[in-house]
Amino acid sequence: QVQLVESGGGLVQAGGSLRLSCAASGNIFSIITMGWYRQAPGKQRELVATITNSGTTNYADSMKGRFTISRDNAKNTVYLQMNSLKPEDTAVYYCNAGTGHGPFWGQGTQVTVSS
């Protein structure tokens, strides 16, 4: 089992920035990739970005250039730096850990971008 706890969400004006954090605990040695997904009201959950243990990153096209995913392996924490936020970025952001035993999810953190 892997436990994930997100933090850093909140309310920000359009054009502003936020940094999300996700701390992993439990069977962390089983984690292969970590990432962020988001779900807006009435929409399906979608990929934001992922990062492998070796640091290889992958972004959804709409986030490239604005969002940056990183991880601190010593702290078992993954971050999502979000810049130039837009109202359409408003969503619940979920941390994900991909393991050999299946995916694990955090409880989510709300990000609201006002226009």
Protein backbone atom coordinates (compact mmCIF):
# COMPACT_ATOMS: atom_id res chain seq x y z
CA GLN A 1 0.00 0.00 0.00
CA VAL A 2 1.06 3.54 -0.78
CA GLN A 3 -0.44 6.57 0.90
CA LEU A 4 -0.42 9.93 -0.85
CA VAL A 5 -1.16 13.28 0.75
CA GLU A 6 -1.54 16.37 -1.42
CA SER A 7 -1.22 19.98 -0.33
CA GLY A 8 -0.86 23.41 -1.84
CA GLY A 9 -4.18 23.97 -3.56
CA GLY A 10 -6.19 27.13 -3.19
CA LEU A 11 -7.65 30.16 -4.87
CA VAL A 12 -5.54 32.22 -7.24
CA GLN A 13 -6.19 34.87 -9.85
CA ALA A 14 -5.66 34.19 -13.53
CA GLY A 15 -2.01 34.56 -14.43
CA GLY A 16 -0.90 33.54 -10.96
CA SER A 17 1.05 30.54 -9.72
CA LEU A 18 0.62 27.68 -7.28
CA ARG A 19 2.81 24.79 -6.24
CA LEU A 20 1.24 21.48 -5.32
CA SER A 21 3.03 18.90 -3.21
CA CYS A 22 2.36 15.20 -2.78
CA ALA A 23 4.08 13.22 -0.05
CA ALA A 24 4.21 9.45 -0.40
CA SER A 25 4.49 6.97 2.44
CA GLY A 26 4.10 3.25 2.93
CA ASN A 27 5.55 0.88 0.34
CA ILE A 28 7.40 3.63 -1.51
CA PHE A 29 9.93 1.23 -3.01
CA SER A 30 7.14 -0.15 -5.20
CA ILE A 31 6.57 3.24 -6.86
CA ILE A 32 7.57 3.35 -10.54
CA THR A 33 6.04 6.64 -11.60
CA MET A 34 4.31 9.53 -9.89
CA GLY A 35 2.06 12.05 -11.45
CA TRP A 36 -0.75 14.54 -11.30
CA TYR A 37 -4.20 14.27 -12.77
CA ARG A 38 -7.11 16.67 -12.54
CA GLN A 39 -10.86 16.54 -12.73
CA ALA A 40 -13.06 19.54 -13.42
CA PRO A 41 -16.79 19.52 -12.61
CA GLY A 42 -18.70 17.49 -15.16
CA LYS A 43 -15.53 16.27 -16.88
CA GLN A 44 -13.45 13.14 -16.84
CA ARG A 45 -10.21 12.92 -14.93
CA GLU A 46 -7.31 13.85 -17.20
CA LEU A 47 -3.55 13.59 -17.16
CA VAL A 48 -1.56 16.65 -16.15
CA ALA A 49 2.00 15.31 -15.89
CA THR A 50 4.00 12.28 -14.81
CA ILE A 51 7.57 11.65 -13.75
CA THR A 52 9.46 8.38 -13.52
CA ASN A 53 11.96 7.29 -10.90
CA SER A 54 14.74 8.30 -13.29
CA GLY A 55 13.25 11.74 -13.80
CA THR A 56 11.68 11.34 -17.22
CA THR A 57 8.69 13.63 -17.50
CA ASN A 58 5.55 13.63 -19.60
CA TYR A 59 3.00 16.44 -19.91
CA ALA A 60 -0.42 16.89 -21.39
CA ASP A 61 -0.14 19.24 -24.35
CA SER A 62 -2.19 22.00 -22.74
CA MET A 63 0.15 22.11 -19.72
CA LYS A 64 3.47 22.16 -21.56
CA GLY A 65 5.39 25.33 -20.89
CA ARG A 66 3.19 26.35 -17.96
CA PHE A 67 3.43 23.42 -15.54
CA THR A 68 6.55 21.70 -14.25
CA ILE A 69 6.61 18.38 -12.42
CA SER A 70 9.54 17.45 -10.22
CA ARG A 71 10.32 15.03 -7.45
CA ASP A 72 12.53 14.88 -4.39
CA ASN A 73 13.31 11.22 -3.87
CA ALA A 74 14.90 11.87 -0.49
CA LYS A 75 11.59 13.31 0.73
CA ASN A 76 9.39 10.92 -1.28
CA THR A 77 7.60 13.98 -2.57
CA VAL A 78 6.49 15.08 -6.02
CA TYR A 79 5.71 18.68 -6.87
CA LEU A 80 3.69 20.44 -9.53
CA GLN A 81 4.63 24.04 -10.20
CA MET A 82 1.80 25.74 -12.05
CA ASN A 83 2.40 29.11 -13.68
CA SER A 84 0.26 31.35 -15.87
CA LEU A 85 -2.86 29.75 -14.48
CA LYS A 86 -6.11 30.08 -16.38
CA PRO A 87 -9.72 29.76 -15.22
CA GLU A 88 -9.95 26.52 -17.19
CA ASP A 89 -7.28 25.05 -14.91
CA THR A 90 -9.85 25.04 -12.12
CA ALA A 91 -10.22 21.45 -10.95
CA VAL A 92 -9.48 18.98 -8.21
CA TYR A 93 -5.89 17.86 -8.65
CA TYR A 94 -5.04 14.30 -7.70
CA CYS A 95 -1.65 12.79 -7.02
CA ASN A 96 -1.05 9.34 -8.47
CA ALA A 97 1.56 6.68 -7.81
CA GLY A 98 2.02 3.91 -10.34
CA THR A 99 3.33 0.67 -8.85
CA GLY A 100 3.65 -2.96 -9.80
CA HIS A 101 0.59 -3.58 -7.63
CA GLY A 102 -1.59 -1.02 -9.36
CA PRO A 103 -2.21 2.72 -9.05
CA PHE A 104 -2.74 4.61 -5.83
CA TRP A 105 -4.46 7.99 -5.49
CA GLY A 106 -4.43 10.86 -3.08
CA GLN A 107 -7.58 12.51 -1.80
CA GLY A 108 -7.23 15.48 -4.13
CA THR A 109 -6.68 19.19 -3.63
CA GLN A 110 -8.87 21.93 -5.05
CA VAL A 111 -7.37 24.54 -7.34
CA THR A 112 -9.60 27.46 -8.26
CA VAL A 113 -8.48 30.12 -10.73
CA SER A 114 -10.57 33.27 -10.83
CA SER A 115 -10.82 35.47 -13.90
